[in-house]
Amino acid sequence: MIELKVSKGYDRVVGQLLRYVNWIKINQADEGQSVRGVIVAKNISEDLRLACAGLPDVALAEYELAVSIKPIAGLKS
């Protein structure tokens, strides 16, 4: 389960992620199948790092985004 946050990841997202992970375990995963959660945000707060420190099935990741725009030649106006 991947939870993507648009900007900063705060500690309250842990409850949201665990709710999703447990729903998948109960409703979709096979018996004994492992379900992990990953929180991805532009910035991971110190509170979120601390909240997830004791959760072996939760990983944290930060993203970087770059956009490049180039004109397309040959289009008629």
PDB file of N, CA and C in Angstrom:
ATOM      1  N   MET A   1       0.853  -1.161   0.000  1.00  0.00           N
ATOM      2  CA  MET A   1       0.000   0.000   0.000  1.00  0.00           C
ATOM      3  C   MET A   1       0.897   1.221   0.000  1.00  0.00           C
ATOM      4  N   ILE A   2       0.736   2.080  -0.975  1.00  0.00           N
ATOM      5  CA  ILE A   2       1.520   3.310  -1.059  1.00  0.00           C
ATOM      6  C   ILE A   2       0.600   4.504  -0.821  1.00  0.00           C
ATOM      7  N   GLU A   3       0.976   5.322   0.141  1.00  0.00           N
ATOM      8  CA  GLU A   3       0.241   6.553   0.447  1.00  0.00           C
ATOM      9  C   GLU A   3       1.105   7.719  -0.015  1.00  0.00           C
ATOM     10  N   LEU A   4       0.671   8.410  -1.057  1.00  0.00           N
ATOM     11  CA  LEU A   4       1.422   9.531  -1.612  1.00  0.00           C
ATOM     12  C   LEU A   4       0.828  10.841  -1.110  1.00  0.00           C
ATOM     13  N   LYS A   5       1.655  11.636  -0.460  1.00  0.00           N
ATOM     14  CA  LYS A   5       1.232  12.942   0.034  1.00  0.00           C
ATOM     15  C   LYS A   5       1.810  14.009  -0.889  1.00  0.00           C
ATOM     16  N   VAL A   6       1.030  15.043  -1.154  1.00  0.00           N
ATOM     17  CA  VAL A   6       1.432  16.072  -2.108  1.00  0.00           C
ATOM     18  C   VAL A   6       2.646  16.857  -1.612  1.00  0.00           C
ATOM     19  N   SER A   7       2.688  17.178  -0.332  1.00  0.00           N
ATOM     20  CA  SER A   7       3.818  17.972   0.145  1.00  0.00           C
ATOM     21  C   SER A   7       4.461  17.310   1.355  1.00  0.00           C
ATOM     22  N   LYS A   8       4.145  17.775   2.544  1.00  0.00           N
ATOM     23  CA  LYS A   8       4.796  17.279   3.750  1.00  0.00           C
ATOM     24  C   LYS A   8       4.011  16.135   4.379  1.00  0.00           C
ATOM     25  N   GLY A   9       4.729  15.113   4.823  1.00  0.00           N
ATOM     26  CA  GLY A   9       4.105  13.982   5.500  1.00  0.00           C
ATOM     27  C   GLY A   9       4.109  14.195   7.000  1.00  0.00           C
ATOM     28  N   TYR A  10       2.940  14.307   7.591  1.00  0.00           N
ATOM     29  CA  TYR A  10       2.813  14.508   9.036  1.00  0.00           C
ATOM     30  C   TYR A  10       2.468  13.185   9.716  1.00  0.00           C
ATOM     31  N   ASP A  11       2.624  13.145  11.040  1.00  0.00           N
ATOM     32  CA  ASP A  11       2.418  11.900  11.772  1.00  0.00           C
ATOM     33  C   ASP A  11       0.981  11.389  11.713  1.00  0.00           C
ATOM     34  N   ARG A  12       0.009  12.245  11.459  1.00  0.00           N
ATOM     35  CA  ARG A  12      -1.389  11.781  11.405  1.00  0.00           C
ATOM     36  C   ARG A  12      -1.650  10.842  10.223  1.00  0.00           C
ATOM     37  N   VAL A  13      -0.772  10.846   9.234  1.00  0.00           N
ATOM     38  CA  VAL A  13      -0.948   9.962   8.080  1.00  0.00           C
ATOM     39  C   VAL A  13      -0.720   8.493   8.455  1.00  0.00           C
ATOM     40  N   VAL A  14      -0.062   8.239   9.583  1.00  0.00           N
ATOM     41  CA  VAL A  14       0.186   6.858  10.009  1.00  0.00           C
ATOM     42  C   VAL A  14      -1.128   6.126  10.239  1.00  0.00           C
ATOM     43  N   GLY A  15      -2.076   6.754  10.913  1.00  0.00           N
ATOM     44  CA  GLY A  15      -3.380   6.127  11.151  1.00  0.00           C
ATOM     45  C   GLY A  15      -4.104   5.829   9.859  1.00  0.00           C
ATOM     46  N   GLN A  16      -4.043   6.756   8.925  1.00  0.00           N
ATOM     47  CA  GLN A  16      -4.669   6.564   7.617  1.00  0.00           C
ATOM     48  C   GLN A  16      -4.037   5.374   6.894  1.00  0.00           C
ATOM     49  N   LEU A  17      -2.709   5.319   6.872  1.00  0.00           N
ATOM     50  CA  LEU A  17      -2.014   4.217   6.205  1.00  0.00           C
ATOM     51  C   LEU A  17      -2.341   2.878   6.857  1.00  0.00           C
ATOM     52  N   LEU A  18      -2.320   2.818   8.186  1.00  0.00           N
ATOM     53  CA  LEU A  18      -2.604   1.558   8.881  1.00  0.00           C
ATOM     54  C   LEU A  18      -4.037   1.103   8.646  1.00  0.00           C
ATOM     55  N   ARG A  19      -4.959   2.044   8.538  1.00  0.00           N
ATOM     56  CA  ARG A  19      -6.348   1.700   8.227  1.00  0.00           C
ATOM     57  C   ARG A  19      -6.424   1.036   6.852  1.00  0.00           C
ATOM     58  N   TYR A  20      -5.748   1.606   5.862  1.00  0.00           N
ATOM     59  CA  TYR A  20      -5.736   1.027   4.515  1.00  0.00           C
ATOM     60  C   TYR A  20      -5.069  -0.349   4.509  1.00  0.00           C
ATOM     61  N   VAL A  21      -3.907  -0.448   5.161  1.00  0.00           N
ATOM     62  CA  VAL A  21      -3.166  -1.717   5.200  1.00  0.00           C
ATOM     63  C   VAL A  21      -4.020  -2.809   5.835  1.00  0.00           C
ATOM     64  N   ASN A  22      -4.662  -2.506   6.950  1.00  0.00           N
ATOM     65  CA  ASN A  22      -5.477  -3.519   7.622  1.00  0.00           C
ATOM     66  C   ASN A  22      -6.726  -3.867   6.826  1.00  0.00           C
ATOM     67  N   TRP A  23      -7.296  -2.901   6.100  1.00  0.00           N
ATOM     68  CA  TRP A  23      -8.436  -3.208   5.237  1.00  0.00           C
ATOM     69  C   TRP A  23      -8.004  -4.191   4.151  1.00  0.00           C
ATOM     70  N   ILE A  24      -6.847  -3.964   3.562  1.00  0.00           N
ATOM     71  CA  ILE A  24      -6.335  -4.877   2.532  1.00  0.00           C
ATOM     72  C   ILE A  24      -6.079  -6.258   3.120  1.00  0.00           C
ATOM     73  N   LYS A  25      -5.488  -6.326   4.318  1.00  0.00           N
ATOM     74  CA  LYS A  25      -5.231  -7.619   4.972  1.00  0.00           C
ATOM     75  C   LYS A  25      -6.525  -8.396   5.177  1.00  0.00           C
ATOM     76  N   ILE A  26      -7.578  -7.705   5.616  1.00  0.00           N
ATOM     77  CA  ILE A  26      -8.853  -8.359   5.927  1.00  0.00           C
ATOM     78  C   ILE A  26      -9.644  -8.703   4.671  1.00  0.00           C
ATOM     79  N   ASN A  27      -9.657  -7.822   3.690  1.00  0.00           N
ATOM     80  CA  ASN A  27     -10.566  -7.965   2.550  1.00  0.00           C
ATOM     81  C   ASN A  27      -9.949  -8.464   1.252  1.00  0.00           C
ATOM     82  N   GLN A  28      -8.636  -8.329   1.076  1.00  0.00           N
ATOM     83  CA  GLN A  28      -8.058  -8.681  -0.216  1.00  0.00           C
ATOM     84  C   GLN A  28      -6.885  -9.645  -0.155  1.00  0.00           C
ATOM     85  N   ALA A  29      -6.079  -9.571   0.879  1.00  0.00           N
ATOM     86  CA  ALA A  29      -4.873 -10.398   0.949  1.00  0.00           C
ATOM     87  C   ALA A  29      -5.224 -11.850   1.248  1.00  0.00           C
ATOM     88  N   ASP A  30      -4.404 -12.744   0.727  1.00  0.00           N
ATOM     89  CA  ASP A  30      -4.546 -14.155   1.062  1.00  0.00           C
ATOM     90  C   ASP A  30      -4.111 -14.367   2.507  1.00  0.00           C
ATOM     91  N   GLU A  31      -4.610 -15.420   3.136  1.00  0.00           N
ATOM     92  CA  GLU A  31      -4.249 -15.711   4.521  1.00  0.00           C
ATOM     93  C   GLU A  31      -2.739 -15.878   4.629  1.00  0.00           C
ATOM     94  N   GLY A  32      -2.140 -15.169   5.578  1.00  0.00           N
ATOM     95  CA  GLY A  32      -0.699 -15.232   5.779  1.00  0.00           C
ATOM     96  C   GLY A  32       0.111 -14.330   4.859  1.00  0.00           C
ATOM     97  N   GLN A  33      -0.555 -13.685   3.910  1.00  0.00           N
ATOM     98  CA  GLN A  33       0.150 -12.806   2.981  1.00  0.00           C
ATOM     99  C   GLN A  33       0.559 -11.513   3.686  1.00  0.00           C
ATOM    100  N   SER A  34       1.770 -11.086   3.451  1.00  0.00           N
ATOM    101  CA  SER A  34       2.295  -9.864   4.048  1.00  0.00           C
ATOM    102  C   SER A  34       1.779  -8.638   3.296  1.00  0.00           C
ATOM    103  N   VAL A  35       1.384  -7.622   4.044  1.00  0.00           N
ATOM    104  CA  VAL A  35       0.966  -6.349   3.456  1.00  0.00           C
ATOM    105  C   VAL A  35       1.783  -5.255   4.133  1.00  0.00           C
ATOM    106  N   ARG A  36       2.484  -4.471   3.329  1.00  0.00           N
ATOM    107  CA  ARG A  36       3.320  -3.393   3.848  1.00  0.00           C
ATOM    108  C   ARG A  36       2.765  -2.050   3.406  1.00  0.00           C
ATOM    109  N   GLY A  37       3.148  -1.026   4.135  1.00  0.00           N
ATOM    110  CA  GLY A  37       2.748   0.322   3.773  1.00  0.00           C
ATOM    111  C   GLY A  37       3.957   1.209   3.553  1.00  0.00           C
ATOM    112  N   VAL A  38       3.848   2.090   2.572  1.00  0.00           N
ATOM    113  CA  VAL A  38       4.911   3.051   2.286  1.00  0.00           C
ATOM    114  C   VAL A  38       4.283   4.443   2.223  1.00  0.00           C
ATOM    115  N   ILE A  39       4.829   5.361   2.979  1.00  0.00           N
ATOM    116  CA  ILE A  39       4.391   6.750   2.939  1.00  0.00           C
ATOM    117  C   ILE A  39       5.425   7.525   2.130  1.00  0.00           C
ATOM    118  N   VAL A  40       4.955   8.168   1.069  1.00  0.00           N
ATOM    119  CA  VAL A  40       5.835   8.946   0.194  1.00  0.00           C
ATOM    120  C   VAL A  40       5.376  10.401   0.242  1.00  0.00           C
ATOM    121  N   ALA A  41       6.307  11.303   0.530  1.00  0.00           N
ATOM    122  CA  ALA A  41       5.987  12.732   0.598  1.00  0.00           C
ATOM    123  C   ALA A  41       7.199  13.536   0.143  1.00  0.00           C
ATOM    124  N   LYS A  42       6.955  14.782  -0.193  1.00  0.00           N
ATOM    125  CA  LYS A  42       8.073  15.658  -0.572  1.00  0.00           C
ATOM    126  C   LYS A  42       9.018  15.838   0.604  1.00  0.00           C
ATOM    127  N   ASN A  43       8.458  16.007   1.790  1.00  0.00           N
ATOM    128  CA  ASN A  43       9.245  16.115   3.017  1.00  0.00           C
ATOM    129  C   ASN A  43       8.611  15.249   4.085  1.00  0.00           C
ATOM    130  N   ILE A  44       9.413  14.440   4.759  1.00  0.00           N
ATOM    131  CA  ILE A  44       8.941  13.612   5.869  1.00  0.00           C
ATOM    132  C   ILE A  44       9.271  14.356   7.163  1.00  0.00           C
ATOM    133  N   SER A  45       8.253  14.642   7.962  1.00  0.00           N
ATOM    134  CA  SER A  45       8.468  15.385   9.210  1.00  0.00           C
ATOM    135  C   SER A  45       9.150  14.503  10.256  1.00  0.00           C
ATOM    136  N   GLU A  46       9.786  15.167  11.218  1.00  0.00           N
ATOM    137  CA  GLU A  46      10.426  14.429  12.314  1.00  0.00           C
ATOM    138  C   GLU A  46       9.381  13.672  13.127  1.00  0.00           C
ATOM    139  N   ASP A  47       8.184  14.255  13.292  1.00  0.00           N
ATOM    140  CA  ASP A  47       7.106  13.570  14.015  1.00  0.00           C
ATOM    141  C   ASP A  47       6.723  12.270  13.314  1.00  0.00           C
ATOM    142  N   LEU A  48       6.665  12.296  11.987  1.00  0.00           N
ATOM    143  CA  LEU A  48       6.320  11.089  11.232  1.00  0.00           C
ATOM    144  C   LEU A  48       7.423  10.049  11.345  1.00  0.00           C
ATOM    145  N   ARG A  49       8.673  10.479  11.288  1.00  0.00           N
ATOM    146  CA  ARG A  49       9.796   9.542  11.462  1.00  0.00           C
ATOM    147  C   ARG A  49       9.692   8.842  12.814  1.00  0.00           C
ATOM    148  N   LEU A  50       9.413   9.616  13.847  1.00  0.00           N
ATOM    149  CA  LEU A  50       9.295   9.061  15.195  1.00  0.00           C
ATOM    150  C   LEU A  50       8.106   8.110  15.293  1.00  0.00           C
ATOM    151  N   ALA A  51       6.969   8.501  14.722  1.00  0.00           N
ATOM    152  CA  ALA A  51       5.762   7.670  14.782  1.00  0.00           C
ATOM    153  C   ALA A  51       5.961   6.328  14.082  1.00  0.00           C
ATOM    154  N   CYS A  52       6.770   6.293  13.035  1.00  0.00           N
ATOM    155  CA  CYS A  52       6.961   5.064  12.255  1.00  0.00           C
ATOM    156  C   CYS A  52       8.160   4.242  12.714  1.00  0.00           C
ATOM    157  N   ALA A  53       8.936   4.764  13.657  1.00  0.00           N
ATOM    158  CA  ALA A  53      10.169   4.101  14.081  1.00  0.00           C
ATOM    159  C   ALA A  53       9.930   2.674  14.573  1.00  0.00           C
ATOM    160  N   GLY A  54       8.815   2.403  15.213  1.00  0.00           N
ATOM    161  CA  GLY A  54       8.543   1.076  15.750  1.00  0.00           C
ATOM    162  C   GLY A  54       7.622   0.231  14.893  1.00  0.00           C
ATOM    163  N   LEU A  55       7.399   0.627  13.653  1.00  0.00           N
ATOM    164  CA  LEU A  55       6.477  -0.096  12.773  1.00  0.00           C
ATOM    165  C   LEU A  55       7.264  -0.799  11.668  1.00  0.00           C
ATOM    166  N   PRO A  56       7.533  -2.092  11.829  1.00  0.00           N
ATOM    167  CA  PRO A  56       8.376  -2.796  10.855  1.00  0.00           C
ATOM    168  C   PRO A  56       7.771  -2.914   9.457  1.00  0.00           C
ATOM    169  N   ASP A  57       6.460  -2.830   9.336  1.00  0.00           N
ATOM    170  CA  ASP A  57       5.818  -2.974   8.025  1.00  0.00           C
ATOM    171  C   ASP A  57       5.497  -1.640   7.363  1.00  0.00           C
ATOM    172  N   VAL A  58       6.075  -0.547   7.902  1.00  0.00           N
ATOM    173  CA  VAL A  58       5.854   0.781   7.322  1.00  0.00           C
ATOM    174  C   VAL A  58       7.210   1.372   6.940  1.00  0.00           C
ATOM    175  N   ALA A  59       7.308   1.824   5.693  1.00  0.00           N
ATOM    176  CA  ALA A  59       8.525   2.474   5.205  1.00  0.00           C
ATOM    177  C   ALA A  59       8.206   3.917   4.836  1.00  0.00           C
ATOM    178  N   LEU A  60       9.226   4.758   4.882  1.00  0.00           N
ATOM    179  CA  LEU A  60       9.085   6.163   4.515  1.00  0.00           C
ATOM    180  C   LEU A  60       9.988   6.471   3.329  1.00  0.00           C
ATOM    181  N   ALA A  61       9.518   7.360   2.451  1.00  0.00           N
ATOM    182  CA  ALA A  61      10.329   7.784   1.307  1.00  0.00           C
ATOM    183  C   ALA A  61       9.978   9.220   0.958  1.00  0.00           C
ATOM    184  N   GLU A  62      10.981   9.962   0.503  1.00  0.00           N
ATOM    185  CA  GLU A  62      10.764  11.322   0.023  1.00  0.00           C
ATOM    186  C   GLU A  62      10.937  11.343  -1.488  1.00  0.00           C
ATOM    187  N   TYR A  63      10.163  12.195  -2.155  1.00  0.00           N
ATOM    188  CA  TYR A  63      10.279  12.300  -3.607  1.00  0.00           C
ATOM    189  C   TYR A  63      10.820  13.663  -4.011  1.00  0.00           C
ATOM    190  N   GLU A  64      11.420  13.689  -5.188  1.00  0.00           N
ATOM    191  CA  GLU A  64      11.823  14.928  -5.838  1.00  0.00           C
ATOM    192  C   GLU A  64      11.136  14.945  -7.191  1.00  0.00           C
ATOM    193  N   LEU A  65      10.676  16.095  -7.603  1.00  0.00           N
ATOM    194  CA  LEU A  65       9.947  16.203  -8.857  1.00  0.00           C
ATOM    195  C   LEU A  65      10.570  17.296  -9.711  1.00  0.00           C
ATOM    196  N   ALA A  66      10.867  16.961 -10.950  1.00  0.00           N
ATOM    197  CA  ALA A  66      11.387  17.937 -11.906  1.00  0.00           C
ATOM    198  C   ALA A  66      10.552  17.843 -13.175  1.00  0.00           C
ATOM    199  N   VAL A  67      10.230  19.001 -13.742  1.00  0.00           N
ATOM    200  CA  VAL A  67       9.422  19.040 -14.963  1.00  0.00           C
ATOM    201  C   VAL A  67      10.210  19.791 -16.024  1.00  0.00           C
ATOM    202  N   SER A  68      10.216  19.247 -17.210  1.00  0.00           N
ATOM    203  CA  SER A  68      10.872  19.887 -18.343  1.00  0.00           C
ATOM    204  C   SER A  68       9.837  20.065 -19.447  1.00  0.00           C
ATOM    205  N   ILE A  69       9.780  21.263 -20.028  1.00  0.00           N
ATOM    206  CA  ILE A  69       8.811  21.549 -21.089  1.00  0.00           C
ATOM    207  C   ILE A  69       9.583  21.936 -22.341  1.00  0.00           C
ATOM    208  N   LYS A  70       9.213  21.329 -23.456  1.00  0.00           N
ATOM    209  CA  LYS A  70       9.877  21.676 -24.715  1.00  0.00           C
ATOM    210  C   LYS A  70       8.826  21.914 -25.789  1.00  0.00           C
ATOM    211  N   PRO A  71       9.067  22.878 -26.659  1.00  0.00           N
ATOM    212  CA  PRO A  71       8.101  23.175 -27.718  1.00  0.00           C
ATOM    213  C   PRO A  71       8.083  22.067 -28.770  1.00  0.00           C
ATOM    214  N   ILE A  72       6.954  21.908 -29.399  1.00  0.00           N
ATOM    215  CA  ILE A  72       6.783  20.941 -30.476  1.00  0.00           C
ATOM    216  C   ILE A  72       6.772  21.717 -31.795  1.00  0.00           C
ATOM    217  N   ALA A  73       7.714  21.416 -32.659  1.00  0.00           N
ATOM    218  CA  ALA A  73       7.835  22.115 -33.941  1.00  0.00           C
ATOM    219  C   ALA A  73       6.819  21.577 -34.940  1.00  0.00           C
ATOM    220  N   GLY A  74       6.458  22.421 -35.892  1.00  0.00           N
ATOM    221  CA  GLY A  74       5.623  21.973 -36.992  1.00  0.00           C
ATOM    222  C   GLY A  74       4.130  22.065 -36.771  1.00  0.00           C
ATOM    223  N   LEU A  75       3.678  22.640 -35.674  1.00  0.00           N
ATOM    224  CA  LEU A  75       2.240  22.784 -35.445  1.00  0.00           C
ATOM    225  C   LEU A  75       1.746  24.064 -36.104  1.00  0.00           C
ATOM    226  N   LYS A  76       0.623  23.989 -36.787  1.00  0.00           N
ATOM    227  CA  LYS A  76       0.046  25.162 -37.448  1.00  0.00           C
ATOM    228  C   LYS A  76      -0.801  25.944 -36.454  1.00  0.00           C
ATOM    229  N   SER A  77      -0.714  27.260 -36.517  1.00  0.00           N
ATOM    230  CA  SER A  77      -1.486  28.119 -35.615  1.00  0.00           C
ATOM    231  C   SER A  77      -2.858  28.376 -36.166  1.00  0.00           C
TER     232      SER A  77
END
